[in-house]
């Protein structure tokens, strides 16, 4: 966030505050939502294993993808993929 704040010529505090006002979510939550969206697209459009989708969507590994995905969507990525079929 510090780098983004510098680009915007704001302190990290003010950048965070303005970002949340503009987007409606904090920066970290926004990034996680974008990662989940990317993972969903990859699950819909490819047959790649979740272990390959996770790093491509910005998660450290499949376990990280699964825990965040479940927390945010209330279902696991595997179940999400099954329900697509």
PDB file of N, CA and C in Angstrom:
ATOM      1  N   UNK A   1       0.821  -1.183   0.000  1.00  0.00           N
ATOM      2  CA  UNK A   1       0.000   0.000   0.000  1.00  0.00           C
ATOM      3  C   UNK A   1       0.864   1.245   0.000  1.00  0.00           C
ATOM      4  N   UNK A   2       2.018   1.173   0.600  1.00  0.00           N
ATOM      5  CA  UNK A   2       2.891   2.344   0.670  1.00  0.00           C
ATOM      6  C   UNK A   2       3.258   2.829  -0.726  1.00  0.00           C
ATOM      7  N   UNK A   3       3.546   1.890  -1.628  1.00  0.00           N
ATOM      8  CA  UNK A   3       3.893   2.276  -3.000  1.00  0.00           C
ATOM      9  C   UNK A   3       2.732   2.977  -3.689  1.00  0.00           C
ATOM     10  N   UNK A   4       1.546   2.461  -3.517  1.00  0.00           N
ATOM     11  CA  UNK A   4       0.370   3.092  -4.118  1.00  0.00           C
ATOM     12  C   UNK A   4       0.128   4.482  -3.528  1.00  0.00           C
ATOM     13  N   UNK A   5       0.316   4.596  -2.236  1.00  0.00           N
ATOM     14  CA  UNK A   5       0.139   5.897  -1.583  1.00  0.00           C
ATOM     15  C   UNK A   5       1.140   6.906  -2.138  1.00  0.00           C
ATOM     16  N   UNK A   6       2.375   6.466  -2.352  1.00  0.00           N
ATOM     17  CA  UNK A   6       3.390   7.359  -2.912  1.00  0.00           C
ATOM     18  C   UNK A   6       3.012   7.818  -4.309  1.00  0.00           C
ATOM     19  N   UNK A   7       2.535   6.899  -5.129  1.00  0.00           N
ATOM     20  CA  UNK A   7       2.120   7.250  -6.492  1.00  0.00           C
ATOM     21  C   UNK A   7       1.002   8.282  -6.455  1.00  0.00           C
ATOM     22  N   UNK A   8       0.098   8.128  -5.504  1.00  0.00           N
ATOM     23  CA  UNK A   8      -1.023   9.059  -5.364  1.00  0.00           C
ATOM     24  C   UNK A   8      -0.643  10.326  -4.597  1.00  0.00           C
ATOM     25  N   UNK A   9       0.612  10.404  -4.169  1.00  0.00           N
ATOM     26  CA  UNK A   9       1.106  11.555  -3.386  1.00  0.00           C
ATOM     27  C   UNK A   9       0.300  11.754  -2.109  1.00  0.00           C
ATOM     28  N   UNK A  10       0.009  10.649  -1.442  1.00  0.00           N
ATOM     29  CA  UNK A  10      -0.734  10.680  -0.190  1.00  0.00           C
ATOM     30  C   UNK A  10       0.012   9.853   0.847  1.00  0.00           C
ATOM     31  N   UNK A  11      -0.280  10.111   2.093  1.00  0.00           N
ATOM     32  CA  UNK A  11       0.245   9.248   3.142  1.00  0.00           C
ATOM     33  C   UNK A  11      -0.507   7.920   3.064  1.00  0.00           C
ATOM     34  N   UNK A  12       0.086   6.841   3.563  1.00  0.00           N
ATOM     35  CA  UNK A  12      -0.645   5.562   3.551  1.00  0.00           C
ATOM     36  C   UNK A  12      -2.002   5.648   4.243  1.00  0.00           C
ATOM     37  N   UNK A  13      -2.067   6.408   5.328  1.00  0.00           N
ATOM     38  CA  UNK A  13      -3.336   6.565   6.054  1.00  0.00           C
ATOM     39  C   UNK A  13      -4.389   7.214   5.158  1.00  0.00           C
ATOM     40  N   UNK A  14      -4.033   8.324   4.523  1.00  0.00           N
ATOM     41  CA  UNK A  14      -5.003   9.028   3.686  1.00  0.00           C
ATOM     42  C   UNK A  14      -5.367   8.218   2.439  1.00  0.00           C
ATOM     43  N   UNK A  15      -4.382   7.549   1.860  1.00  0.00           N
ATOM     44  CA  UNK A  15      -4.677   6.706   0.707  1.00  0.00           C
ATOM     45  C   UNK A  15      -5.685   5.631   1.084  1.00  0.00           C
ATOM     46  N   UNK A  16      -5.448   4.959   2.203  1.00  0.00           N
ATOM     47  CA  UNK A  16      -6.342   3.906   2.656  1.00  0.00           C
ATOM     48  C   UNK A  16      -7.751   4.447   2.870  1.00  0.00           C
ATOM     49  N   UNK A  17      -7.832   5.591   3.502  1.00  0.00           N
ATOM     50  CA  UNK A  17      -9.129   6.211   3.786  1.00  0.00           C
ATOM     51  C   UNK A  17      -9.865   6.588   2.500  1.00  0.00           C
ATOM     52  N   UNK A  18      -9.163   7.219   1.566  1.00  0.00           N
ATOM     53  CA  UNK A  18      -9.780   7.633   0.300  1.00  0.00           C
ATOM     54  C   UNK A  18     -10.146   6.429  -0.563  1.00  0.00           C
ATOM     55  N   UNK A  19      -9.299   5.403  -0.544  1.00  0.00           N
ATOM     56  CA  UNK A  19      -9.590   4.194  -1.313  1.00  0.00           C
ATOM     57  C   UNK A  19     -10.891   3.563  -0.823  1.00  0.00           C
ATOM     58  N   UNK A  20     -11.020   3.440   0.483  1.00  0.00           N
ATOM     59  CA  UNK A  20     -12.225   2.826   1.040  1.00  0.00           C
ATOM     60  C   UNK A  20     -13.467   3.658   0.722  1.00  0.00           C
ATOM     61  N   UNK A  21     -13.349   4.978   0.759  1.00  0.00           N
ATOM     62  CA  UNK A  21     -14.479   5.835   0.413  1.00  0.00           C
ATOM     63  C   UNK A  21     -14.867   5.671  -1.056  1.00  0.00           C
ATOM     64  N   UNK A  22     -13.878   5.564  -1.929  1.00  0.00           N
ATOM     65  CA  UNK A  22     -14.140   5.487  -3.361  1.00  0.00           C
ATOM     66  C   UNK A  22     -14.653   4.120  -3.803  1.00  0.00           C
ATOM     67  N   UNK A  23     -14.097   3.072  -3.227  1.00  0.00           N
ATOM     68  CA  UNK A  23     -14.403   1.712  -3.689  1.00  0.00           C
ATOM     69  C   UNK A  23     -15.432   1.015  -2.805  1.00  0.00           C
ATOM     70  N   UNK A  24     -15.489   1.396  -1.555  1.00  0.00           N
ATOM     71  CA  UNK A  24     -16.428   0.766  -0.628  1.00  0.00           C
ATOM     72  C   UNK A  24     -15.828  -0.389   0.145  1.00  0.00           C
ATOM     73  N   UNK A  25     -14.584  -0.725  -0.151  1.00  0.00           N
ATOM     74  CA  UNK A  25     -13.864  -1.790   0.545  1.00  0.00           C
ATOM     75  C   UNK A  25     -12.465  -1.311   0.856  1.00  0.00           C
ATOM     76  N   UNK A  26     -11.880  -1.872   1.908  1.00  0.00           N
ATOM     77  CA  UNK A  26     -10.480  -1.601   2.175  1.00  0.00           C
ATOM     78  C   UNK A  26      -9.622  -2.230   1.084  1.00  0.00           C
ATOM     79  N   UNK A  27      -8.396  -1.754   0.943  1.00  0.00           N
ATOM     80  CA  UNK A  27      -7.514  -2.221  -0.119  1.00  0.00           C
ATOM     81  C   UNK A  27      -7.277  -3.724  -0.063  1.00  0.00           C
ATOM     82  N   UNK A  28      -6.975  -4.269   1.110  1.00  0.00           N
ATOM     83  CA  UNK A  28      -6.698  -5.708   1.206  1.00  0.00           C
ATOM     84  C   UNK A  28      -7.917  -6.539   0.829  1.00  0.00           C
ATOM     85  N   UNK A  29      -9.068  -6.129   1.293  1.00  0.00           N
ATOM     86  CA  UNK A  29     -10.300  -6.862   0.968  1.00  0.00           C
ATOM     87  C   UNK A  29     -10.604  -6.762  -0.528  1.00  0.00           C
ATOM     88  N   UNK A  30     -10.369  -5.597  -1.109  1.00  0.00           N
ATOM     89  CA  UNK A  30     -10.563  -5.398  -2.539  1.00  0.00           C
ATOM     90  C   UNK A  30      -9.661  -6.350  -3.334  1.00  0.00           C
ATOM     91  N   UNK A  31      -8.400  -6.432  -2.953  1.00  0.00           N
ATOM     92  CA  UNK A  31      -7.454  -7.318  -3.642  1.00  0.00           C
ATOM     93  C   UNK A  31      -7.910  -8.766  -3.528  1.00  0.00           C
ATOM     94  N   UNK A  32      -8.348  -9.190  -2.346  1.00  0.00           N
ATOM     95  CA  UNK A  32      -8.824 -10.564  -2.171  1.00  0.00           C
ATOM     96  C   UNK A  32     -10.049 -10.842  -3.041  1.00  0.00           C
ATOM     97  N   UNK A  33     -10.950  -9.887  -3.131  1.00  0.00           N
ATOM     98  CA  UNK A  33     -12.130 -10.062  -3.978  1.00  0.00           C
ATOM     99  C   UNK A  33     -11.734 -10.225  -5.442  1.00  0.00           C
ATOM    100  N   UNK A  34     -10.764  -9.444  -5.894  1.00  0.00           N
ATOM    101  CA  UNK A  34     -10.293  -9.563  -7.285  1.00  0.00           C
ATOM    102  C   UNK A  34      -9.638 -10.924  -7.509  1.00  0.00           C
ATOM    103  N   UNK A  35      -8.890 -11.411  -6.518  1.00  0.00           N
ATOM    104  CA  UNK A  35      -8.260 -12.729  -6.637  1.00  0.00           C
ATOM    105  C   UNK A  35      -9.314 -13.832  -6.713  1.00  0.00           C
ATOM    106  N   UNK A  36     -10.332 -13.728  -5.892  1.00  0.00           N
ATOM    107  CA  UNK A  36     -11.415 -14.714  -5.918  1.00  0.00           C
ATOM    108  C   UNK A  36     -12.128 -14.667  -7.265  1.00  0.00           C
ATOM    109  N   UNK A  37     -12.389 -13.469  -7.759  1.00  0.00           N
ATOM    110  CA  UNK A  37     -13.025 -13.330  -9.073  1.00  0.00           C
ATOM    111  C   UNK A  37     -12.178 -13.997 -10.160  1.00  0.00           C
ATOM    112  N   UNK A  38     -10.862 -13.792 -10.093  1.00  0.00           N
ATOM    113  CA  UNK A  38      -9.955 -14.405 -11.072  1.00  0.00           C
ATOM    114  C   UNK A  38      -9.992 -15.929 -10.958  1.00  0.00           C
ATOM    115  N   UNK A  39      -9.989 -16.437  -9.742  1.00  0.00           N
ATOM    116  CA  UNK A  39     -10.055 -17.890  -9.538  1.00  0.00           C
ATOM    117  C   UNK A  39     -11.367 -18.448 -10.097  1.00  0.00           C
ATOM    118  N   UNK A  40     -12.469 -17.754  -9.894  1.00  0.00           N
ATOM    119  CA  UNK A  40     -13.757 -18.201 -10.419  1.00  0.00           C
ATOM    120  C   UNK A  40     -13.720 -18.278 -11.939  1.00  0.00           C
ATOM    121  N   UNK A  41     -13.158 -17.266 -12.567  1.00  0.00           N
ATOM    122  CA  UNK A  41     -13.055 -17.259 -14.029  1.00  0.00           C
ATOM    123  C   UNK A  41     -12.221 -18.442 -14.511  1.00  0.00           C
ATOM    124  N   UNK A  42     -11.097 -18.673 -13.856  1.00  0.00           N
ATOM    125  CA  UNK A  42     -10.235 -19.792 -14.244  1.00  0.00           C
ATOM    126  C   UNK A  42     -10.935 -21.128 -14.044  1.00  0.00           C
ATOM    127  N   UNK A  43     -11.721 -21.256 -12.977  1.00  0.00           N
ATOM    128  CA  UNK A  43     -12.451 -22.504 -12.740  1.00  0.00           C
ATOM    129  C   UNK A  43     -13.537 -22.708 -13.805  1.00  0.00           C
ATOM    130  N   UNK A  44     -14.134 -21.615 -14.267  1.00  0.00           N
ATOM    131  CA  UNK A  44     -15.175 -21.705 -15.278  1.00  0.00           C
ATOM    132  C   UNK A  44     -14.603 -22.017 -16.656  1.00  0.00           C
ATOM    133  N   UNK A  45     -13.457 -21.437 -16.969  1.00  0.00           N
ATOM    134  CA  UNK A  45     -12.933 -21.500 -18.330  1.00  0.00           C
ATOM    135  C   UNK A  45     -11.887 -22.581 -18.570  1.00  0.00           C
ATOM    136  N   UNK A  46     -11.354 -23.174 -17.509  1.00  0.00           N
ATOM    137  CA  UNK A  46     -10.317 -24.190 -17.690  1.00  0.00           C
ATOM    138  C   UNK A  46     -10.618 -25.418 -16.837  1.00  0.00           C
ATOM    139  N   UNK A  47      -9.880 -26.455 -17.114  1.00  0.00           N
ATOM    140  CA  UNK A  47      -9.948 -27.672 -16.294  1.00  0.00           C
ATOM    141  C   UNK A  47      -8.681 -27.825 -15.465  1.00  0.00           C
ATOM    142  N   UNK A  48      -7.950 -26.747 -15.293  1.00  0.00           N
ATOM    143  CA  UNK A  48      -6.719 -26.797 -14.513  1.00  0.00           C
ATOM    144  C   UNK A  48      -7.028 -27.236 -13.085  1.00  0.00           C
ATOM    145  N   UNK A  49      -6.113 -27.987 -12.473  1.00  0.00           N
ATOM    146  CA  UNK A  49      -6.296 -28.324 -11.057  1.00  0.00           C
ATOM    147  C   UNK A  49      -6.238 -27.052 -10.198  1.00  0.00           C
ATOM    148  N   UNK A  50      -6.907 -27.106  -9.073  1.00  0.00           N
ATOM    149  CA  UNK A  50      -6.920 -25.953  -8.174  1.00  0.00           C
ATOM    150  C   UNK A  50      -5.514 -25.569  -7.727  1.00  0.00           C
ATOM    151  N   UNK A  51      -4.629 -26.541  -7.648  1.00  0.00           N
ATOM    152  CA  UNK A  51      -3.251 -26.255  -7.257  1.00  0.00           C
ATOM    153  C   UNK A  51      -2.555 -25.355  -8.275  1.00  0.00           C
ATOM    154  N   UNK A  52      -2.973 -25.401  -9.534  1.00  0.00           N
ATOM    155  CA  UNK A  52      -2.407 -24.524 -10.554  1.00  0.00           C
ATOM    156  C   UNK A  52      -3.147 -23.191 -10.624  1.00  0.00           C
ATOM    157  N   UNK A  53      -4.430 -23.222 -10.346  1.00  0.00           N
ATOM    158  CA  UNK A  53      -5.242 -22.003 -10.381  1.00  0.00           C
ATOM    159  C   UNK A  53      -4.842 -21.061  -9.248  1.00  0.00           C
ATOM    160  N   UNK A  54      -4.564 -21.617  -8.084  1.00  0.00           N
ATOM    161  CA  UNK A  54      -4.265 -20.795  -6.902  1.00  0.00           C
ATOM    162  C   UNK A  54      -3.159 -19.770  -7.163  1.00  0.00           C
ATOM    163  N   UNK A  55      -1.966 -20.166  -7.586  1.00  0.00           N
ATOM    164  CA  UNK A  55      -0.933 -19.153  -7.793  1.00  0.00           C
ATOM    165  C   UNK A  55      -1.244 -18.218  -8.961  1.00  0.00           C
ATOM    166  N   UNK A  56      -1.938 -18.725  -9.965  1.00  0.00           N
ATOM    167  CA  UNK A  56      -2.291 -17.879 -11.105  1.00  0.00           C
ATOM    168  C   UNK A  56      -3.278 -16.779 -10.699  1.00  0.00           C
ATOM    169  N   UNK A  57      -4.084 -17.064  -9.675  1.00  0.00           N
ATOM    170  CA  UNK A  57      -5.043 -16.079  -9.181  1.00  0.00           C
ATOM    171  C   UNK A  57      -4.464 -15.217  -8.056  1.00  0.00           C
ATOM    172  N   UNK A  58      -3.214 -15.480  -7.669  1.00  0.00           N
ATOM    173  CA  UNK A  58      -2.576 -14.638  -6.662  1.00  0.00           C
ATOM    174  C   UNK A  58      -2.543 -15.209  -5.256  1.00  0.00           C
ATOM    175  N   UNK A  59      -2.914 -16.473  -5.094  1.00  0.00           N
ATOM    176  CA  UNK A  59      -2.868 -17.112  -3.787  1.00  0.00           C
ATOM    177  C   UNK A  59      -1.557 -17.875  -3.648  1.00  0.00           C
ATOM    178  N   UNK A  60      -1.099 -18.053  -2.424  1.00  0.00           N
ATOM    179  CA  UNK A  60       0.192 -18.713  -2.218  1.00  0.00           C
ATOM    180  C   UNK A  60       0.150 -20.193  -2.567  1.00  0.00           C
ATOM    181  N   UNK A  61      -0.991 -20.842  -2.317  1.00  0.00           N
ATOM    182  CA  UNK A  61      -1.142 -22.259  -2.651  1.00  0.00           C
ATOM    183  C   UNK A  61      -2.625 -22.626  -2.608  1.00  0.00           C
ATOM    184  N   UNK A  62      -2.918 -23.887  -2.892  1.00  0.00           N
ATOM    185  CA  UNK A  62      -4.312 -24.336  -2.932  1.00  0.00           C
ATOM    186  C   UNK A  62      -5.003 -24.185  -1.581  1.00  0.00           C
ATOM    187  N   UNK A  63      -4.292 -24.436  -0.513  1.00  0.00           N
ATOM    188  CA  UNK A  63      -4.865 -24.309   0.826  1.00  0.00           C
ATOM    189  C   UNK A  63      -5.290 -22.873   1.109  1.00  0.00           C
ATOM    190  N   UNK A  64      -4.450 -21.936   0.718  1.00  0.00           N
ATOM    191  CA  UNK A  64      -4.766 -20.515   0.906  1.00  0.00           C
ATOM    192  C   UNK A  64      -6.001 -20.140   0.084  1.00  0.00           C
ATOM    193  N   UNK A  65      -6.044 -20.584  -1.176  1.00  0.00           N
ATOM    194  CA  UNK A  65      -7.215 -20.344  -2.024  1.00  0.00           C
ATOM    195  C   UNK A  65      -8.469 -20.903  -1.374  1.00  0.00           C
ATOM    196  N   UNK A  66      -8.396 -22.137  -0.906  1.00  0.00           N
ATOM    197  CA  UNK A  66      -9.566 -22.789  -0.325  1.00  0.00           C
ATOM    198  C   UNK A  66     -10.065 -22.064   0.915  1.00  0.00           C
ATOM    199  N   UNK A  67      -9.164 -21.690   1.799  1.00  0.00           N
ATOM    200  CA  UNK A  67      -9.614 -21.036   3.042  1.00  0.00           C
ATOM    201  C   UNK A  67     -10.223 -19.666   2.770  1.00  0.00           C
ATOM    202  N   UNK A  68      -9.607 -18.874   1.903  1.00  0.00           N
ATOM    203  CA  UNK A  68     -10.146 -17.542   1.596  1.00  0.00           C
ATOM    204  C   UNK A  68     -11.446 -17.668   0.802  1.00  0.00           C
ATOM    205  N   UNK A  69     -11.463 -18.555  -0.183  1.00  0.00           N
ATOM    206  CA  UNK A  69     -12.654 -18.761  -1.016  1.00  0.00           C
ATOM    207  C   UNK A  69     -13.836 -19.175  -0.151  1.00  0.00           C
ATOM    208  N   UNK A  70     -13.613 -20.126   0.755  1.00  0.00           N
ATOM    209  CA  UNK A  70     -14.686 -20.594   1.639  1.00  0.00           C
ATOM    210  C   UNK A  70     -15.169 -19.476   2.561  1.00  0.00           C
ATOM    211  N   UNK A  71     -14.234 -18.713   3.099  1.00  0.00           N
ATOM    212  CA  UNK A  71     -14.604 -17.613   3.993  1.00  0.00           C
ATOM    213  C   UNK A  71     -15.460 -16.571   3.269  1.00  0.00           C
ATOM    214  N   UNK A  72     -15.124 -16.282   2.030  1.00  0.00           N
ATOM    215  CA  UNK A  72     -15.820 -15.217   1.298  1.00  0.00           C
ATOM    216  C   UNK A  72     -17.094 -15.671   0.592  1.00  0.00           C
ATOM    217  N   UNK A  73     -17.146 -16.940   0.160  1.00  0.00           N
ATOM    218  CA  UNK A  73     -18.294 -17.402  -0.627  1.00  0.00           C
ATOM    219  C   UNK A  73     -19.158 -18.434   0.084  1.00  0.00           C
ATOM    220  N   UNK A  74     -18.672 -18.954   1.199  1.00  0.00           N
ATOM    221  CA  UNK A  74     -19.371 -19.965   1.994  1.00  0.00           C
ATOM    222  C   UNK A  74     -19.368 -21.355   1.352  1.00  0.00           C
ATOM    223  N   UNK A  75     -18.636 -21.526   0.241  1.00  0.00           N
ATOM    224  CA  UNK A  75     -18.458 -22.852  -0.347  1.00  0.00           C
ATOM    225  C   UNK A  75     -16.988 -23.014  -0.734  1.00  0.00           C
ATOM    226  N   UNK A  76     -16.568 -24.253  -0.894  1.00  0.00           N
ATOM    227  CA  UNK A  76     -15.177 -24.500  -1.283  1.00  0.00           C
ATOM    228  C   UNK A  76     -15.031 -24.324  -2.797  1.00  0.00           C
ATOM    229  N   UNK A  77     -13.814 -24.095  -3.263  1.00  0.00           N
ATOM    230  CA  UNK A  77     -13.606 -23.982  -4.705  1.00  0.00           C
ATOM    231  C   UNK A  77     -14.023 -25.267  -5.446  1.00  0.00           C
ATOM    232  N   UNK A  78     -13.754 -26.418  -4.856  1.00  0.00           N
ATOM    233  CA  UNK A  78     -14.156 -27.675  -5.485  1.00  0.00           C
ATOM    234  C   UNK A  78     -15.659 -27.769  -5.665  1.00  0.00           C
ATOM    235  N   UNK A  79     -16.381 -27.380  -4.648  1.00  0.00           N
ATOM    236  CA  UNK A  79     -17.850 -27.411  -4.738  1.00  0.00           C
ATOM    237  C   UNK A  79     -18.344 -26.371  -5.746  1.00  0.00           C
ATOM    238  N   UNK A  80     -17.727 -25.207  -5.751  1.00  0.00           N
ATOM    239  CA  UNK A  80     -18.079 -24.173  -6.720  1.00  0.00           C
ATOM    240  C   UNK A  80     -17.929 -24.728  -8.140  1.00  0.00           C
ATOM    241  N   UNK A  81     -16.813 -25.383  -8.393  1.00  0.00           N
ATOM    242  CA  UNK A  81     -16.541 -25.945  -9.724  1.00  0.00           C
ATOM    243  C   UNK A  81     -17.571 -27.035 -10.046  1.00  0.00           C
ATOM    244  N   UNK A  82     -17.910 -27.870  -9.088  1.00  0.00           N
ATOM    245  CA  UNK A  82     -18.892 -28.934  -9.305  1.00  0.00           C
ATOM    246  C   UNK A  82     -20.248 -28.355  -9.640  1.00  0.00           C
ATOM    247  N   UNK A  83     -20.633 -27.278  -8.964  1.00  0.00           N
ATOM    248  CA  UNK A  83     -21.928 -26.663  -9.197  1.00  0.00           C
ATOM    249  C   UNK A  83     -22.007 -25.966 -10.551  1.00  0.00           C
ATOM    250  N   UNK A  84     -20.854 -25.657 -11.150  1.00  0.00           N
ATOM    251  CA  UNK A  84     -20.850 -25.056 -12.480  1.00  0.00           C
ATOM    252  C   UNK A  84     -21.293 -26.043 -13.554  1.00  0.00           C
ATOM    253  N   UNK A  85     -20.993 -27.322 -13.304  1.00  0.00           N
ATOM    254  CA  UNK A  85     -21.258 -28.353 -14.324  1.00  0.00           C
ATOM    255  C   UNK A  85     -22.726 -28.657 -14.483  1.00  0.00           C
TER     256      UNK A  85
END
